Protein backbone atom coordinates (compact mmCIF):
# COMPACT_ATOMS: atom_id res chain seq x y z
CA MET A 1 8.45 9.74 -9.62
CA ALA A 2 7.72 8.95 -13.11
CA ARG A 3 7.10 5.25 -14.02
CA SER A 4 10.00 5.22 -16.42
CA SER A 5 12.40 6.28 -13.52
CA LEU A 6 11.56 3.28 -11.33
CA PRO A 7 14.75 1.24 -10.45
CA ARG A 8 15.22 -1.89 -12.30
CA VAL A 9 15.16 -4.62 -9.61
CA ALA A 10 14.42 -8.30 -10.75
CA VAL A 11 11.16 -9.92 -9.48
CA GLY A 12 12.12 -12.46 -6.87
CA THR A 13 14.88 -10.32 -5.53
CA VAL A 14 15.18 -10.34 -1.77
CA LEU A 15 15.12 -6.98 -0.28
CA ARG A 16 16.23 -6.33 3.30
CA LEU A 17 14.96 -2.97 4.46
CA GLY A 18 16.17 -1.40 7.63
CA GLY A 19 13.68 0.33 9.87
CA ASP A 20 14.65 3.77 8.50
CA ASP A 21 14.44 2.37 4.86
CA TRP A 22 10.52 2.40 4.84
CA ARG A 23 7.69 4.27 6.54
CA SER A 24 4.35 2.80 5.68
CA GLY A 25 3.61 -0.83 5.48
CA ARG A 26 0.37 -2.94 5.76
CA GLY A 27 0.50 -5.00 9.08
CA LEU A 28 4.31 -4.12 9.84
CA THR A 29 5.70 -2.73 12.86
CA GLN A 30 7.04 0.79 12.14
CA GLY A 31 10.90 1.00 12.70
CA ALA A 32 11.40 -2.89 12.36
CA ASP A 33 13.44 -4.52 9.71
CA VAL A 34 11.57 -5.97 6.90
CA VAL A 35 12.44 -8.71 4.34
CA VAL A 36 10.47 -8.81 1.08
CA VAL A 37 10.82 -11.17 -1.96
CA LEU A 38 9.94 -8.58 -4.66
CA ALA A 39 6.81 -9.09 -6.62
CA ASN A 40 6.65 -5.53 -8.26
CA LEU A 41 7.60 -2.01 -7.74
CA THR A 42 5.17 1.04 -8.38
CA SER A 43 5.78 4.62 -8.23
CA ALA A 44 4.82 6.70 -5.18
CA ASP A 45 3.48 10.32 -5.14
CA GLU A 46 6.83 11.42 -3.49
CA GLU A 47 10.16 11.71 -5.15
CA GLY A 48 12.69 9.18 -3.80
CA TRP A 49 10.12 6.57 -2.64
CA VAL A 50 8.48 3.66 -4.21
CA TRP A 51 5.81 1.06 -3.24
CA VAL A 52 7.35 -2.40 -2.86
CA CYS A 53 4.94 -5.26 -3.19
CA GLY A 54 6.02 -8.81 -2.51
CA HIS A 55 6.02 -11.81 -0.19
CA GLY A 56 7.49 -12.65 3.05
CA PRO A 57 10.35 -15.06 2.90
CA GLN A 58 8.24 -17.64 4.67
CA CYS A 59 5.35 -17.44 2.10
CA SER A 60 4.59 -20.87 0.51
CA TYR A 61 2.90 -19.36 -2.54
CA PRO A 62 4.98 -16.48 -3.94
CA HIS A 63 4.65 -17.77 -7.58
CA VAL A 64 0.82 -18.42 -7.62
CA GLU A 65 -0.63 -15.62 -9.69
CA SER A 66 -4.07 -15.50 -7.83
CA HIS A 67 -2.07 -15.02 -4.47
CA ALA A 68 -1.91 -11.33 -3.75
CA PRO A 69 1.42 -10.11 -2.31
CA CYS A 70 1.78 -10.64 1.50
CA LEU A 71 3.48 -7.32 1.79
CA GLU A 72 3.23 -3.76 0.54
CA VAL A 73 5.58 -1.18 1.89
CA LEU A 74 6.59 2.40 0.87
CA ALA A 75 10.44 2.29 0.69
CA ARG A 76 13.32 4.69 0.02
CA VAL A 77 14.60 4.30 -3.61
CA ALA A 78 18.13 4.49 -2.22
CA ALA A 79 17.50 1.21 -0.05
CA LEU A 80 17.00 -0.73 -3.14
CA PRO A 81 19.81 -2.38 -5.16
CA ALA A 82 21.30 -0.35 -8.04
CA ASP A 83 19.73 -0.74 -11.41
CA ALA A 84 20.84 -3.82 -13.32
CA PRO A 85 22.72 -3.25 -16.49
């Protein structure tokens, strides 16, 4: 997926991903629902998928630049909110 074709989702958006909406995540239980407060999206090598980086809703430091995202998950583009106008 080309970088220009990434969905436009605002930083800070709360993404609720069902167990079938993602397939790879650091420290996550495969098939479980995941909630991520979006920090950024990056393209993946496979069409229809993006890397979602963000923080868990319980994170106390989501706006501290030196705090790396708590979560990184490979998610289906179709599971993300539609592009903003």
